Amino acid sequence: MTQTKQSERDQLDLSRREREARRDIRVIGDPVLREHAVAVIAFDRGLRKLAKRMIRVMHDAPGLGLAAPQIGVLQRMLVYDVEEDPRVLVNPQLDEFSAEIEETDEGCLSVPGVTMPVSRPVGLRVRAFDADGEPLEFYAEGLEARVIQHEFDHLEGVLIVDRTSRSARAAALRELRDREGAGLHGAVGGGL
């Protein structure tokens, strides 16, 4: 097989995996995205399998993070990957937010194809467990802190449209309606 043919096959495989991943992700309007996720109590093989599945879906979608409710699982677990090192946070708790706030455009796999300005603290302390039940505690800053806060919002039933200005929310929802009307809902995307 020539290198060109292999490259074409790789691209088709990536495209297929992205479409499959996007089918797994719940989008705005799905009531599960507005639910409060429940605490994980069993750190078992099933939880580790779920974590691996979430990392695969996140990478294939592609996104920087994914919370369990985004794939219809109402458990307090999120995954993220900002440095080529995927991490799993189970039952996360966030505190010690920095006084410095930064507004940056965010996208979301569950609000596909749009971005909107969201203000968030630049740093915070994270306490959680990994998929094996081992405790984690660290201070996150910058992009890592933003992604964790974004995914944590999903565990609380909060979407980026709830964290932006009224005008940005209206523009994003209008764009989503227009895209859906044109048959393009979810066709463009990427997100946290």
C-alpha atoms as a PDB file:
ATOM      1  CA  MET A   1       0.000   0.000   0.000  1.00  0.00           C
ATOM      2  CA  THR A   2       1.327   3.432  -0.856  1.00  0.00           C
ATOM      3  CA  GLN A   3       1.822   6.086   1.767  1.00  0.00           C
ATOM      4  CA  THR A   4      -0.899   8.205   0.104  1.00  0.00           C
ATOM      5  CA  LYS A   5      -3.410   5.346   0.269  1.00  0.00           C
ATOM      6  CA  GLN A   6      -2.538   4.704   3.917  1.00  0.00           C
ATOM      7  CA  SER A   7      -2.947   8.406   4.679  1.00  0.00           C
ATOM      8  CA  GLU A   8      -6.373   8.424   2.976  1.00  0.00           C
ATOM      9  CA  ARG A   9      -7.416   5.346   4.988  1.00  0.00           C
ATOM     10  CA  ASP A  10      -6.208   6.968   8.216  1.00  0.00           C
ATOM     11  CA  GLN A  11      -8.252  10.098   7.430  1.00  0.00           C
ATOM     12  CA  LEU A  12     -11.373   8.017   6.703  1.00  0.00           C
ATOM     13  CA  ASP A  13     -10.871   6.099   9.945  1.00  0.00           C
ATOM     14  CA  LEU A  14     -10.476   9.345  11.917  1.00  0.00           C
ATOM     15  CA  SER A  15     -13.592  10.775  10.305  1.00  0.00           C
ATOM     16  CA  ARG A  16     -15.580   7.603  11.081  1.00  0.00           C
ATOM     17  CA  ARG A  17     -14.373   7.588  14.712  1.00  0.00           C
ATOM     18  CA  GLU A  18     -15.278  11.264  15.095  1.00  0.00           C
ATOM     19  CA  ARG A  19     -18.804  10.647  13.757  1.00  0.00           C
ATOM     20  CA  GLU A  20     -19.238   7.681  16.108  1.00  0.00           C
ATOM     21  CA  ALA A  21     -17.969   9.685  19.089  1.00  0.00           C
ATOM     22  CA  ARG A  22     -20.302  12.576  18.294  1.00  0.00           C
ATOM     23  CA  ARG A  23     -23.263  10.162  18.184  1.00  0.00           C
ATOM     24  CA  ASP A  24     -22.441   9.165  21.768  1.00  0.00           C
ATOM     25  CA  ILE A  25     -22.403  12.757  23.021  1.00  0.00           C
ATOM     26  CA  ARG A  26     -25.647  14.286  24.278  1.00  0.00           C
ATOM     27  CA  VAL A  27     -26.336  17.773  22.920  1.00  0.00           C
ATOM     28  CA  ILE A  28     -28.128  20.823  24.238  1.00  0.00           C
ATOM     29  CA  GLY A  29     -31.832  20.109  24.585  1.00  0.00           C
ATOM     30  CA  ASP A  30     -31.233  16.620  25.999  1.00  0.00           C
ATOM     31  CA  PRO A  31     -32.689  16.671  29.535  1.00  0.00           C
ATOM     32  CA  VAL A  32     -29.848  14.550  30.977  1.00  0.00           C
ATOM     33  CA  LEU A  33     -27.511  17.538  30.534  1.00  0.00           C
ATOM     34  CA  ARG A  34     -29.588  19.474  33.086  1.00  0.00           C
ATOM     35  CA  GLU A  35     -29.485  16.749  35.749  1.00  0.00           C
ATOM     36  CA  HIS A  36     -27.250  16.687  38.820  1.00  0.00           C
ATOM     37  CA  ALA A  37     -24.836  13.754  38.602  1.00  0.00           C
ATOM     38  CA  VAL A  38     -24.673  11.417  41.607  1.00  0.00           C
ATOM     39  CA  ALA A  39     -21.564  10.474  43.563  1.00  0.00           C
ATOM     40  CA  VAL A  40     -19.643   7.403  42.476  1.00  0.00           C
ATOM     41  CA  ILE A  41     -19.622   4.801  45.244  1.00  0.00           C
ATOM     42  CA  ALA A  42     -18.129   1.759  43.482  1.00  0.00           C
ATOM     43  CA  PHE A  43     -14.554   2.009  42.219  1.00  0.00           C
ATOM     44  CA  ASP A  44     -14.687  -1.175  40.202  1.00  0.00           C
ATOM     45  CA  ARG A  45     -13.896  -2.587  36.788  1.00  0.00           C
ATOM     46  CA  GLY A  46     -17.061  -0.999  35.359  1.00  0.00           C
ATOM     47  CA  LEU A  47     -15.902   2.467  36.432  1.00  0.00           C
ATOM     48  CA  ARG A  48     -12.466   1.941  34.886  1.00  0.00           C
ATOM     49  CA  LYS A  49     -14.107   0.772  31.635  1.00  0.00           C
ATOM     50  CA  LEU A  50     -16.316   3.859  31.653  1.00  0.00           C
ATOM     51  CA  ALA A  51     -13.250   6.077  32.158  1.00  0.00           C
ATOM     52  CA  LYS A  52     -11.476   4.451  29.179  1.00  0.00           C
ATOM     53  CA  ARG A  53     -14.590   4.827  27.021  1.00  0.00           C
ATOM     54  CA  MET A  54     -14.907   8.497  27.986  1.00  0.00           C
ATOM     55  CA  ILE A  55     -11.250   9.170  27.132  1.00  0.00           C
ATOM     56  CA  ARG A  56     -11.707   7.482  23.750  1.00  0.00           C
ATOM     57  CA  VAL A  57     -14.874   9.482  22.989  1.00  0.00           C
ATOM     58  CA  MET A  58     -13.201  12.726  24.141  1.00  0.00           C
ATOM     59  CA  HIS A  59     -10.175  12.144  21.888  1.00  0.00           C
ATOM     60  CA  ASP A  60     -12.241  10.983  18.911  1.00  0.00           C
ATOM     61  CA  ALA A  61     -14.773  13.853  19.126  1.00  0.00           C
ATOM     62  CA  PRO A  62     -12.208  15.693  19.489  1.00  0.00           C
ATOM     63  CA  GLY A  63     -12.350  17.629  22.732  1.00  0.00           C
ATOM     64  CA  LEU A  64     -10.220  18.584  25.706  1.00  0.00           C
ATOM     65  CA  GLY A  65     -12.611  17.189  28.306  1.00  0.00           C
ATOM     66  CA  LEU A  66     -15.774  15.177  28.777  1.00  0.00           C
ATOM     67  CA  ALA A  67     -18.097  14.653  31.725  1.00  0.00           C
ATOM     68  CA  ALA A  68     -20.087  11.446  32.245  1.00  0.00           C
ATOM     69  CA  PRO A  69     -23.492  13.171  31.807  1.00  0.00           C
ATOM     70  CA  GLN A  70     -22.417  14.150  28.289  1.00  0.00           C
ATOM     71  CA  ILE A  71     -22.631  10.486  27.330  1.00  0.00           C
ATOM     72  CA  GLY A  72     -25.800   9.925  29.346  1.00  0.00           C
ATOM     73  CA  VAL A  73     -24.207   8.591  32.544  1.00  0.00           C
ATOM     74  CA  LEU A  74     -25.292  10.534  35.630  1.00  0.00           C
ATOM     75  CA  GLN A  75     -22.182   9.870  37.693  1.00  0.00           C
ATOM     76  CA  ARG A  76     -19.738  12.436  39.078  1.00  0.00           C
ATOM     77  CA  MET A  77     -16.813  11.642  36.808  1.00  0.00           C
ATOM     78  CA  LEU A  78     -14.965  13.683  34.234  1.00  0.00           C
ATOM     79  CA  VAL A  79     -11.957  13.170  32.014  1.00  0.00           C
ATOM     80  CA  TYR A  80      -9.680  15.731  30.422  1.00  0.00           C
ATOM     81  CA  ASP A  81      -6.467  15.935  28.444  1.00  0.00           C
ATOM     82  CA  VAL A  82      -4.619  19.225  28.075  1.00  0.00           C
ATOM     83  CA  GLU A  83      -1.040  17.897  27.893  1.00  0.00           C
ATOM     84  CA  GLU A  84      -1.231  14.541  26.079  1.00  0.00           C
ATOM     85  CA  ASP A  85      -1.799  12.898  29.459  1.00  0.00           C
ATOM     86  CA  PRO A  86      -5.489  12.041  29.992  1.00  0.00           C
ATOM     87  CA  ARG A  87      -6.698  12.371  33.568  1.00  0.00           C
ATOM     88  CA  VAL A  88      -9.773  11.008  35.320  1.00  0.00           C
ATOM     89  CA  LEU A  89     -11.438  12.845  38.199  1.00  0.00           C
ATOM     90  CA  VAL A  90     -14.098  11.017  40.195  1.00  0.00           C
ATOM     91  CA  ASN A  91     -16.291  12.873  42.702  1.00  0.00           C
ATOM     92  CA  PRO A  92     -14.317  16.097  42.189  1.00  0.00           C
ATOM     93  CA  GLN A  93     -14.529  18.997  44.612  1.00  0.00           C
ATOM     94  CA  LEU A  94     -13.281  22.448  43.641  1.00  0.00           C
ATOM     95  CA  ASP A  95     -12.293  25.244  46.021  1.00  0.00           C
ATOM     96  CA  GLU A  96      -9.686  27.928  46.715  1.00  0.00           C
ATOM     97  CA  PHE A  97     -10.559  29.723  43.479  1.00  0.00           C
ATOM     98  CA  SER A  98      -8.086  32.407  42.450  1.00  0.00           C
ATOM     99  CA  ALA A  99      -9.148  36.045  42.666  1.00  0.00           C
ATOM    100  CA  GLU A 100      -7.961  36.517  39.081  1.00  0.00           C
ATOM    101  CA  ILE A 101     -10.746  35.934  36.553  1.00  0.00           C
ATOM    102  CA  GLU A 102     -10.250  35.490  32.824  1.00  0.00           C
ATOM    103  CA  GLU A 103     -12.849  35.679  30.060  1.00  0.00           C
ATOM    104  CA  THR A 104     -12.142  33.395  27.107  1.00  0.00           C
ATOM    105  CA  ASP A 105     -14.256  31.883  24.350  1.00  0.00           C
ATOM    106  CA  GLU A 106     -15.263  28.312  25.136  1.00  0.00           C
ATOM    107  CA  GLY A 107     -16.751  25.639  22.964  1.00  0.00           C
ATOM    108  CA  CYS A 108     -18.500  22.509  24.141  1.00  0.00           C
ATOM    109  CA  LEU A 109     -19.035  19.092  22.622  1.00  0.00           C
ATOM    110  CA  SER A 110     -22.643  19.276  23.882  1.00  0.00           C
ATOM    111  CA  VAL A 111     -23.179  22.699  22.286  1.00  0.00           C
ATOM    112  CA  PRO A 112     -21.545  21.852  18.955  1.00  0.00           C
ATOM    113  CA  GLY A 113     -20.140  24.372  16.551  1.00  0.00           C
ATOM    114  CA  VAL A 114     -20.432  27.540  18.625  1.00  0.00           C
ATOM    115  CA  THR A 115     -18.181  29.345  21.056  1.00  0.00           C
ATOM    116  CA  MET A 116     -19.055  31.982  23.594  1.00  0.00           C
ATOM    117  CA  PRO A 117     -17.205  34.108  26.135  1.00  0.00           C
ATOM    118  CA  VAL A 118     -17.104  32.584  29.617  1.00  0.00           C
ATOM    119  CA  SER A 119     -15.440  34.110  32.684  1.00  0.00           C
ATOM    120  CA  ARG A 120     -13.741  31.722  35.072  1.00  0.00           C
ATOM    121  CA  PRO A 121     -11.131  31.850  37.845  1.00  0.00           C
ATOM    122  CA  VAL A 122      -7.610  31.282  36.504  1.00  0.00           C
ATOM    123  CA  GLY A 123      -6.721  28.764  39.224  1.00  0.00           C
ATOM    124  CA  LEU A 124      -8.308  26.462  41.789  1.00  0.00           C
ATOM    125  CA  ARG A 125      -7.659  23.547  44.103  1.00  0.00           C
ATOM    126  CA  VAL A 126      -8.993  20.151  43.032  1.00  0.00           C
ATOM    127  CA  ARG A 127      -9.723  17.241  45.322  1.00  0.00           C
ATOM    128  CA  ALA A 128     -10.979  14.034  43.731  1.00  0.00           C
ATOM    129  CA  PHE A 129     -10.278  10.332  43.248  1.00  0.00           C
ATOM    130  CA  ASP A 130      -8.813   8.548  40.270  1.00  0.00           C
ATOM    131  CA  ALA A 131     -10.635   5.621  38.637  1.00  0.00           C
ATOM    132  CA  ASP A 132      -9.018   3.200  41.121  1.00  0.00           C
ATOM    133  CA  GLY A 133     -10.279   5.172  44.133  1.00  0.00           C
ATOM    134  CA  GLU A 134      -6.914   6.739  44.974  1.00  0.00           C
ATOM    135  CA  PRO A 135      -7.230  10.291  46.346  1.00  0.00           C
ATOM    136  CA  LEU A 136      -5.926  13.211  44.297  1.00  0.00           C
ATOM    137  CA  GLU A 137      -5.285  16.781  45.378  1.00  0.00           C
ATOM    138  CA  PHE A 138      -3.630  19.461  43.257  1.00  0.00           C
ATOM    139  CA  TYR A 139      -3.785  23.083  42.211  1.00  0.00           C
ATOM    140  CA  ALA A 140      -4.772  23.656  38.578  1.00  0.00           C
ATOM    141  CA  GLU A 141      -4.116  26.830  36.618  1.00  0.00           C
ATOM    142  CA  GLY A 142      -4.701  28.184  33.148  1.00  0.00           C
ATOM    143  CA  LEU A 143      -6.227  25.902  30.544  1.00  0.00           C
ATOM    144  CA  GLU A 144      -6.280  22.922  32.911  1.00  0.00           C
ATOM    145  CA  ALA A 145      -8.301  24.922  35.476  1.00  0.00           C
ATOM    146  CA  ARG A 146     -10.708  26.149  32.782  1.00  0.00           C
ATOM    147  CA  VAL A 147     -11.318  22.664  31.394  1.00  0.00           C
ATOM    148  CA  ILE A 148     -11.884  21.183  34.858  1.00  0.00           C
ATOM    149  CA  GLN A 149     -14.392  23.935  35.722  1.00  0.00           C
ATOM    150  CA  HIS A 150     -16.175  23.471  32.388  1.00  0.00           C
ATOM    151  CA  GLU A 151     -16.526  19.713  32.883  1.00  0.00           C
ATOM    152  CA  PHE A 152     -17.444  20.141  36.559  1.00  0.00           C
ATOM    153  CA  ASP A 153     -20.327  22.361  35.418  1.00  0.00           C
ATOM    154  CA  HIS A 154     -21.699  19.379  33.473  1.00  0.00           C
ATOM    155  CA  LEU A 155     -21.831  17.401  36.729  1.00  0.00           C
ATOM    156  CA  GLU A 156     -24.026  20.183  38.131  1.00  0.00           C
ATOM    157  CA  GLY A 157     -26.326  20.357  35.082  1.00  0.00           C
ATOM    158  CA  VAL A 158     -24.808  23.653  33.907  1.00  0.00           C
ATOM    159  CA  LEU A 159     -23.901  24.436  30.280  1.00  0.00           C
ATOM    160  CA  ILE A 160     -21.766  27.234  28.827  1.00  0.00           C
ATOM    161  CA  VAL A 161     -24.941  28.992  27.673  1.00  0.00           C
ATOM    162  CA  ASP A 162     -25.673  29.484  31.392  1.00  0.00           C
ATOM    163  CA  ARG A 163     -22.246  31.065  31.995  1.00  0.00           C
ATOM    164  CA  THR A 164     -22.247  33.701  29.263  1.00  0.00           C
ATOM    165  CA  SER A 165     -23.983  36.999  28.621  1.00  0.00           C
ATOM    166  CA  ARG A 166     -27.606  37.135  27.515  1.00  0.00           C
ATOM    167  CA  SER A 167     -26.596  38.453  24.071  1.00  0.00           C
ATOM    168  CA  ALA A 168     -23.908  35.759  23.546  1.00  0.00           C
ATOM    169  CA  ARG A 169     -26.402  33.072  24.628  1.00  0.00           C
ATOM    170  CA  ALA A 170     -29.041  34.393  22.209  1.00  0.00           C
ATOM    171  CA  ALA A 171     -26.533  34.506  19.340  1.00  0.00           C
ATOM    172  CA  ALA A 172     -25.296  30.972  20.058  1.00  0.00           C
ATOM    173  CA  LEU A 173     -28.814  29.535  20.319  1.00  0.00           C
ATOM    174  CA  ARG A 174     -29.812  31.323  17.095  1.00  0.00           C
ATOM    175  CA  GLU A 175     -26.751  29.845  15.340  1.00  0.00           C
ATOM    176  CA  LEU A 176     -27.610  26.366  16.642  1.00  0.00           C
ATOM    177  CA  ARG A 177     -31.220  26.690  15.403  1.00  0.00           C
ATOM    178  CA  ASP A 178     -30.049  27.919  12.003  1.00  0.00           C
ATOM    179  CA  ARG A 179     -27.549  25.091  11.686  1.00  0.00           C
ATOM    180  CA  GLU A 180     -30.123  22.510  12.761  1.00  0.00           C
ATOM    181  CA  GLY A 181     -32.594  23.926  10.234  1.00  0.00           C
ATOM    182  CA  ALA A 182     -29.951  23.532   7.542  1.00  0.00           C
ATOM    183  CA  GLY A 183     -29.283  19.939   8.631  1.00  0.00           C
ATOM    184  CA  LEU A 184     -25.855  20.796  10.040  1.00  0.00           C
ATOM    185  CA  HIS A 185     -26.498  20.280  13.774  1.00  0.00           C
ATOM    186  CA  GLY A 186     -23.290  18.987  15.275  1.00  0.00           C
ATOM    187  CA  ALA A 187     -21.460  19.042  11.953  1.00  0.00           C
ATOM    188  CA  VAL A 188     -18.920  21.596  13.070  1.00  0.00           C
ATOM    189  CA  GLY A 189     -17.377  21.395  16.399  1.00  0.00           C
ATOM    190  CA  GLY A 190     -14.833  20.598  18.931  1.00  0.00           C
ATOM    191  CA  GLY A 191     -14.953  21.902  22.388  1.00  0.00           C
ATOM    192  CA  LEU A 192     -13.890  21.409  25.921  1.00  0.00           C
END
